[in-house]
Amino acid sequence: MAPNGDLFRTIRQGKADVVTDTIKHFTKTGIELDSGEQLEADIIVTATGLNLRLFGGAAILRNGVPVDLTRSMTYKGMMLSGMPNSAFTIGYTNASWTLKADLVSEFVCRVLNYMNANGFDTVVPEHPGDSIEERPLMDFTPGYVLRALDSLPKSGSRAPWRLKQNYLLDLRLIRRGKVQEAALKFSKHEARVNAASA
C-alpha cells in the first residue's frame, strides 16, 4: 500500500531508489549486495518475507506414521485426501479470510450431523488418482507461496479438488453442495468382541 502515492512520487523525484538484489552482508555504513554494489543506509529494516508452513510446521501423523502432505490433495480446499476426521481453513487471498472460515465451519457441522444421524465414525476424502490433474495448492504468486509450493498438498484441476479464491463459487460448492458424495468415504468402526468373553 502506498497512501496518496507518496512512495511513487518520491521515486519519480529522484529522492529514493528501488534496488532488487540479494544481500551479501551488512557493512559499517550499510549493505553490500551480491552484485558488489554498496548501499549506504542510516536505518535498515529487514523484510525478506516469510516461510509458509502448513499447520504451523506441526508434524502430522496418522496411526503414528508421518504423513507426507505433498502426496495429498485438498478436498474443497478444506480437507486432505487420506486424512480422516480433519478439516482446516485457508481463507481468501482476495477477500475476507472469515468468509471462507464461515463456509468451512458450516460444512464441518453438516458433515458431523450427517455422521451422527447415520452412525458413522470416520470421514476421509479419497484421493481421485490420475482422473484429476494435480495443480499447485494456490494460484497465488507472492514469493512466500512460490517458495513453499513443493512442501504443500496439491489442488486438483476441477471440483471438488480445486481450491478456489471465489466466494460466490464456494457458496454453491460448499454451502449448498451435498455432504454425501463420491469423494468422501464414510465408515463405521465395528466393535470387536473378544472370543473368550463371547
C-alpha atoms as a PDB file:
ATOM      1  CA  MET A   1       0.000   0.000   0.000  1.00  0.00           C
ATOM      2  CA  ALA A   2       1.203   3.486  -0.791  1.00  0.00           C
ATOM      3  CA  PRO A   3      -1.190   6.022   0.751  1.00  0.00           C
ATOM      4  CA  ASN A   4      -1.571   9.035  -1.514  1.00  0.00           C
ATOM      5  CA  GLY A   5       1.097   7.613  -3.832  1.00  0.00           C
ATOM      6  CA  ASP A   6       3.859   9.232  -1.737  1.00  0.00           C
ATOM      7  CA  LEU A   7       6.325   6.385  -2.374  1.00  0.00           C
ATOM      8  CA  PHE A   8       5.922   6.651  -6.144  1.00  0.00           C
ATOM      9  CA  ARG A   9       6.139  10.451  -6.035  1.00  0.00           C
ATOM     10  CA  THR A  10       9.379  10.234  -4.023  1.00  0.00           C
ATOM     11  CA  ILE A  11      10.893   7.775  -6.538  1.00  0.00           C
ATOM     12  CA  ARG A  12       9.870   9.994  -9.500  1.00  0.00           C
ATOM     13  CA  GLN A  13      11.501  12.974  -7.816  1.00  0.00           C
ATOM     14  CA  GLY A  14      14.748  11.010  -7.508  1.00  0.00           C
ATOM     15  CA  LYS A  15      14.713  11.099  -3.715  1.00  0.00           C
ATOM     16  CA  ALA A  16      14.568   7.284  -3.411  1.00  0.00           C
ATOM     17  CA  ASP A  17      15.789   4.263  -5.354  1.00  0.00           C
ATOM     18  CA  VAL A  18      14.457   0.747  -5.656  1.00  0.00           C
ATOM     19  CA  VAL A  19      17.169  -1.904  -5.798  1.00  0.00           C
ATOM     20  CA  THR A  20      16.461  -5.590  -6.382  1.00  0.00           C
ATOM     21  CA  ASP A  21      19.349  -7.858  -5.420  1.00  0.00           C
ATOM     22  CA  THR A  22      20.491 -10.257  -2.730  1.00  0.00           C
ATOM     23  CA  ILE A  23      22.233  -9.005   0.401  1.00  0.00           C
ATOM     24  CA  LYS A  24      25.782 -10.335   0.651  1.00  0.00           C
ATOM     25  CA  HIS A  25      26.405  -8.855   4.085  1.00  0.00           C
ATOM     26  CA  PHE A  26      25.987  -5.793   6.233  1.00  0.00           C
ATOM     27  CA  THR A  27      28.795  -3.230   6.354  1.00  0.00           C
ATOM     28  CA  LYS A  28      29.635  -0.448   8.802  1.00  0.00           C
ATOM     29  CA  THR A  29      27.802   2.047   6.598  1.00  0.00           C
ATOM     30  CA  GLY A  30      25.019  -0.044   5.047  1.00  0.00           C
ATOM     31  CA  ILE A  31      24.711  -3.137   2.867  1.00  0.00           C
ATOM     32  CA  GLU A  32      26.905  -4.834   0.284  1.00  0.00           C
ATOM     33  CA  LEU A  33      24.902  -6.668  -2.388  1.00  0.00           C
ATOM     34  CA  ASP A  34      25.909  -9.831  -4.265  1.00  0.00           C
ATOM     35  CA  SER A  35      26.481  -7.658  -7.312  1.00  0.00           C
ATOM     36  CA  GLY A  36      29.144  -5.753  -5.348  1.00  0.00           C
ATOM     37  CA  GLU A  37      27.055  -2.583  -5.157  1.00  0.00           C
ATOM     38  CA  GLN A  38      27.264  -0.763  -1.821  1.00  0.00           C
ATOM     39  CA  LEU A  39      24.080   0.771  -0.418  1.00  0.00           C
ATOM     40  CA  GLU A  40      24.610   3.451   2.200  1.00  0.00           C
ATOM     41  CA  ALA A  41      21.949   3.382   4.900  1.00  0.00           C
ATOM     42  CA  ASP A  42      21.223   5.067   8.220  1.00  0.00           C
ATOM     43  CA  ILE A  43      18.495   2.541   9.052  1.00  0.00           C
ATOM     44  CA  ILE A  44      17.998  -0.983   7.714  1.00  0.00           C
ATOM     45  CA  VAL A  45      14.610  -2.650   8.007  1.00  0.00           C
ATOM     46  CA  THR A  46      14.711  -6.306   7.023  1.00  0.00           C
ATOM     47  CA  ALA A  47      11.541  -7.553   5.389  1.00  0.00           C
ATOM     48  CA  THR A  48      12.585 -10.548   3.340  1.00  0.00           C
ATOM     49  CA  GLY A  49       9.255 -12.333   3.539  1.00  0.00           C
ATOM     50  CA  LEU A  50       8.053 -15.311   5.458  1.00  0.00           C
ATOM     51  CA  ASN A  51       8.260 -19.047   5.074  1.00  0.00           C
ATOM     52  CA  LEU A  52       4.814 -20.573   4.712  1.00  0.00           C
ATOM     53  CA  ARG A  53       4.368 -23.665   6.865  1.00  0.00           C
ATOM     54  CA  LEU A  54       1.065 -25.516   6.763  1.00  0.00           C
ATOM     55  CA  PHE A  55      -0.330 -26.215  10.242  1.00  0.00           C
ATOM     56  CA  GLY A  56       2.443 -24.102  11.742  1.00  0.00           C
ATOM     57  CA  GLY A  57       5.021 -26.740  10.850  1.00  0.00           C
ATOM     58  CA  ALA A  58       3.472 -29.366  13.153  1.00  0.00           C
ATOM     59  CA  ALA A  59       4.371 -32.977  12.381  1.00  0.00           C
ATOM     60  CA  ILE A  60       1.237 -34.672  11.022  1.00  0.00           C
ATOM     61  CA  LEU A  61       0.924 -38.357  11.959  1.00  0.00           C
ATOM     62  CA  ARG A  62      -1.670 -40.979  11.109  1.00  0.00           C
ATOM     63  CA  ASN A  63      -1.570 -44.026  13.395  1.00  0.00           C
ATOM     64  CA  GLY A  64       1.904 -42.937  14.463  1.00  0.00           C
ATOM     65  CA  VAL A  65       3.235 -42.768  10.890  1.00  0.00           C
ATOM     66  CA  PRO A  66       4.298 -39.379   9.455  1.00  0.00           C
ATOM     67  CA  VAL A  67       2.036 -38.134   6.669  1.00  0.00           C
ATOM     68  CA  ASP A  68       3.625 -36.745   3.519  1.00  0.00           C
ATOM     69  CA  LEU A  69       1.341 -33.774   2.881  1.00  0.00           C
ATOM     70  CA  THR A  70       2.789 -33.300  -0.615  1.00  0.00           C
ATOM     71  CA  ARG A  71       1.100 -36.549  -1.699  1.00  0.00           C
ATOM     72  CA  SER A  72      -2.346 -35.421  -0.577  1.00  0.00           C
ATOM     73  CA  MET A  73      -4.921 -33.366  -2.437  1.00  0.00           C
ATOM     74  CA  THR A  74      -7.283 -30.815  -0.955  1.00  0.00           C
ATOM     75  CA  TYR A  75     -10.997 -31.555  -0.991  1.00  0.00           C
ATOM     76  CA  LYS A  76     -12.985 -28.306  -1.384  1.00  0.00           C
ATOM     77  CA  GLY A  77      -9.902 -26.510  -0.077  1.00  0.00           C
ATOM     78  CA  MET A  78     -10.606 -27.673   3.491  1.00  0.00           C
ATOM     79  CA  MET A  79      -9.852 -31.379   3.894  1.00  0.00           C
ATOM     80  CA  LEU A  80      -6.891 -33.518   2.828  1.00  0.00           C
ATOM     81  CA  SER A  81      -7.167 -36.819   0.992  1.00  0.00           C
ATOM     82  CA  GLY A  82      -6.188 -39.706   3.216  1.00  0.00           C
ATOM     83  CA  MET A  83      -6.638 -37.712   6.432  1.00  0.00           C
ATOM     84  CA  PRO A  84      -9.691 -38.863   8.397  1.00  0.00           C
ATOM     85  CA  ASN A  85     -11.878 -36.599  10.512  1.00  0.00           C
ATOM     86  CA  SER A  86      -9.927 -33.414   9.916  1.00  0.00           C
ATOM     87  CA  ALA A  87     -10.554 -30.064   8.311  1.00  0.00           C
ATOM     88  CA  PHE A  88      -8.700 -26.769   8.061  1.00  0.00           C
ATOM     89  CA  THR A  89      -9.266 -23.270   6.749  1.00  0.00           C
ATOM     90  CA  ILE A  90      -7.311 -21.424   4.097  1.00  0.00           C
ATOM     91  CA  GLY A  91      -9.030 -18.085   3.727  1.00  0.00           C
ATOM     92  CA  TYR A  92      -9.335 -15.995   0.623  1.00  0.00           C
ATOM     93  CA  THR A  93      -6.395 -14.037  -0.712  1.00  0.00           C
ATOM     94  CA  ASN A  94      -8.765 -11.607  -2.425  1.00  0.00           C
ATOM     95  CA  ALA A  95     -11.472 -11.192   0.225  1.00  0.00           C
ATOM     96  CA  SER A  96     -12.043 -11.542   3.948  1.00  0.00           C
ATOM     97  CA  TRP A  97     -10.446 -14.629   5.496  1.00  0.00           C
ATOM     98  CA  THR A  98     -13.538 -15.164   7.637  1.00  0.00           C
ATOM     99  CA  LEU A  99     -15.823 -15.633   4.628  1.00  0.00           C
ATOM    100  CA  LYS A 100     -14.086 -18.952   3.899  1.00  0.00           C
ATOM    101  CA  ALA A 101     -13.783 -19.808   7.597  1.00  0.00           C
ATOM    102  CA  ASP A 102     -17.568 -19.480   7.917  1.00  0.00           C
ATOM    103  CA  LEU A 103     -18.179 -21.768   4.932  1.00  0.00           C
ATOM    104  CA  VAL A 104     -15.741 -24.387   6.243  1.00  0.00           C
ATOM    105  CA  SER A 105     -17.333 -24.299   9.710  1.00  0.00           C
ATOM    106  CA  GLU A 106     -20.814 -24.731   8.239  1.00  0.00           C
ATOM    107  CA  PHE A 107     -19.699 -27.663   6.096  1.00  0.00           C
ATOM    108  CA  VAL A 108     -17.945 -29.399   9.001  1.00  0.00           C
ATOM    109  CA  CYS A 109     -21.127 -29.066  11.089  1.00  0.00           C
ATOM    110  CA  ARG A 110     -23.188 -30.541   8.245  1.00  0.00           C
ATOM    111  CA  VAL A 111     -20.734 -33.453   7.965  1.00  0.00           C
ATOM    112  CA  LEU A 112     -20.817 -34.078  11.724  1.00  0.00           C
ATOM    113  CA  ASN A 113     -24.630 -34.000  11.748  1.00  0.00           C
ATOM    114  CA  TYR A 114     -24.729 -36.432   8.823  1.00  0.00           C
ATOM    115  CA  MET A 115     -22.269 -38.770  10.544  1.00  0.00           C
ATOM    116  CA  ASN A 116     -24.220 -38.620  13.802  1.00  0.00           C
ATOM    117  CA  ALA A 117     -27.547 -39.312  12.079  1.00  0.00           C
ATOM    118  CA  ASN A 118     -26.109 -42.318  10.206  1.00  0.00           C
ATOM    119  CA  GLY A 119     -23.824 -43.811  12.840  1.00  0.00           C
ATOM    120  CA  PHE A 120     -20.571 -43.046  11.040  1.00  0.00           C
ATOM    121  CA  ASP A 121     -17.325 -42.617  12.972  1.00  0.00           C
ATOM    122  CA  THR A 122     -14.987 -41.641  10.154  1.00  0.00           C
ATOM    123  CA  VAL A 123     -14.983 -39.489   7.065  1.00  0.00           C
ATOM    124  CA  VAL A 124     -11.995 -39.264   4.746  1.00  0.00           C
ATOM    125  CA  PRO A 125     -11.630 -37.729   1.287  1.00  0.00           C
ATOM    126  CA  GLU A 126     -10.304 -40.377  -1.107  1.00  0.00           C
ATOM    127  CA  HIS A 127      -7.581 -39.186  -3.491  1.00  0.00           C
ATOM    128  CA  PRO A 128      -9.021 -39.142  -7.035  1.00  0.00           C
ATOM    129  CA  GLY A 129      -5.858 -40.651  -8.520  1.00  0.00           C
ATOM    130  CA  ASP A 130      -4.977 -39.982 -12.136  1.00  0.00           C
ATOM    131  CA  SER A 131      -8.536 -38.933 -13.009  1.00  0.00           C
ATOM    132  CA  ILE A 132      -7.709 -35.407 -11.795  1.00  0.00           C
ATOM    133  CA  GLU A 133      -4.655 -33.411 -12.873  1.00  0.00           C
ATOM    134  CA  GLU A 134      -2.562 -32.170  -9.955  1.00  0.00           C
ATOM    135  CA  ARG A 135      -2.085 -28.431  -9.618  1.00  0.00           C
ATOM    136  CA  PRO A 136      -0.307 -26.239  -7.058  1.00  0.00           C
ATOM    137  CA  LEU A 137      -2.301 -25.699  -3.874  1.00  0.00           C
ATOM    138  CA  MET A 138      -2.838 -22.000  -4.555  1.00  0.00           C
ATOM    139  CA  ASP A 139      -2.956 -19.990  -7.747  1.00  0.00           C
ATOM    140  CA  PHE A 140      -1.223 -17.142  -5.948  1.00  0.00           C
ATOM    141  CA  THR A 141       2.258 -15.930  -6.780  1.00  0.00           C
ATOM    142  CA  PRO A 142       3.905 -13.997  -3.939  1.00  0.00           C
ATOM    143  CA  GLY A 143       7.404 -15.248  -3.127  1.00  0.00           C
ATOM    144  CA  TYR A 144       6.416 -16.819   0.207  1.00  0.00           C
ATOM    145  CA  VAL A 145       3.844 -19.030  -1.558  1.00  0.00           C
ATOM    146  CA  LEU A 146       6.081 -19.948  -4.503  1.00  0.00           C
ATOM    147  CA  ARG A 147       8.920 -20.900  -2.115  1.00  0.00           C
ATOM    148  CA  ALA A 148       6.600 -23.280  -0.242  1.00  0.00           C
ATOM    149  CA  LEU A 149       4.742 -24.995  -3.119  1.00  0.00           C
ATOM    150  CA  ASP A 150       6.964 -28.092  -3.073  1.00  0.00           C
ATOM    151  CA  SER A 151       6.091 -28.725   0.583  1.00  0.00           C
ATOM    152  CA  LEU A 152       2.327 -28.186   0.323  1.00  0.00           C
ATOM    153  CA  PRO A 153      -0.548 -30.506  -0.601  1.00  0.00           C
ATOM    154  CA  LYS A 154      -1.854 -30.348  -4.148  1.00  0.00           C
ATOM    155  CA  SER A 155      -5.012 -28.955  -5.590  1.00  0.00           C
ATOM    156  CA  GLY A 156      -6.859 -30.611  -8.435  1.00  0.00           C
ATOM    157  CA  SER A 157      -7.857 -29.442 -11.885  1.00  0.00           C
ATOM    158  CA  ARG A 158     -11.581 -29.491 -11.114  1.00  0.00           C
ATOM    159  CA  ALA A 159     -14.134 -29.537  -8.311  1.00  0.00           C
ATOM    160  CA  PRO A 160     -14.282 -30.692  -5.615  1.00  0.00           C
ATOM    161  CA  TRP A 161     -10.493 -30.925  -5.604  1.00  0.00           C
ATOM    162  CA  ARG A 162      -9.725 -27.403  -6.741  1.00  0.00           C
ATOM    163  CA  LEU A 163      -9.003 -24.657  -4.212  1.00  0.00           C
ATOM    164  CA  LYS A 164     -10.798 -21.591  -5.491  1.00  0.00           C
ATOM    165  CA  GLN A 165     -10.428 -17.988  -4.449  1.00  0.00           C
ATOM    166  CA  ASN A 166     -14.039 -17.179  -5.289  1.00  0.00           C
ATOM    167  CA  TYR A 167     -16.623 -16.760  -2.551  1.00  0.00           C
ATOM    168  CA  LEU A 168     -19.622 -16.961  -4.883  1.00  0.00           C
ATOM    169  CA  LEU A 169     -18.435 -20.269  -6.403  1.00  0.00           C
ATOM    170  CA  ASP A 170     -17.677 -21.613  -2.916  1.00  0.00           C
ATOM    171  CA  LEU A 171     -21.193 -20.728  -1.762  1.00  0.00           C
ATOM    172  CA  ARG A 172     -22.501 -23.205  -4.309  1.00  0.00           C
ATOM    173  CA  LEU A 173     -19.781 -25.819  -3.808  1.00  0.00           C
ATOM    174  CA  ILE A 174     -19.512 -25.739  -0.021  1.00  0.00           C
ATOM    175  CA  ARG A 175     -22.654 -24.223   1.481  1.00  0.00           C
ATOM    176  CA  ARG A 176     -25.119 -25.723  -0.985  1.00  0.00           C
ATOM    177  CA  GLY A 177     -23.097 -28.779  -2.031  1.00  0.00           C
ATOM    178  CA  LYS A 178     -24.005 -32.291  -0.939  1.00  0.00           C
ATOM    179  CA  VAL A 179     -22.296 -33.857   2.055  1.00  0.00           C
ATOM    180  CA  GLN A 180     -22.727 -37.391   0.773  1.00  0.00           C
ATOM    181  CA  GLU A 181     -20.737 -37.571  -2.453  1.00  0.00           C
ATOM    182  CA  ALA A 182     -18.328 -39.986  -4.091  1.00  0.00           C
ATOM    183  CA  ALA A 183     -15.184 -38.128  -2.991  1.00  0.00           C
ATOM    184  CA  LEU A 184     -15.957 -38.628   0.711  1.00  0.00           C
ATOM    185  CA  LYS A 185     -15.803 -42.076   2.257  1.00  0.00           C
ATOM    186  CA  PHE A 186     -17.860 -42.530   5.417  1.00  0.00           C
ATOM    187  CA  SER A 187     -17.362 -45.595   7.585  1.00  0.00           C
ATOM    188  CA  LYS A 188     -18.374 -47.191  10.886  1.00  0.00           C
ATOM    189  CA  HIS A 189     -15.996 -48.924  13.241  1.00  0.00           C
ATOM    190  CA  GLU A 190     -17.466 -52.232  14.332  1.00  0.00           C
ATOM    191  CA  ALA A 191     -16.787 -53.097  17.956  1.00  0.00           C
ATOM    192  CA  ARG A 192     -14.617 -56.213  18.235  1.00  0.00           C
ATOM    193  CA  VAL A 193     -15.797 -58.882  20.632  1.00  0.00           C
ATOM    194  CA  ASN A 194     -13.220 -60.948  22.480  1.00  0.00           C
ATOM    195  CA  ALA A 195     -13.857 -64.636  21.594  1.00  0.00           C
ATOM    196  CA  ALA A 196     -13.181 -65.711  25.217  1.00  0.00           C
ATOM    197  CA  SER A 197     -15.934 -63.460  26.535  1.00  0.00           C
ATOM    198  CA  ALA A 198     -18.481 -64.354  23.877  1.00  0.00           C
END
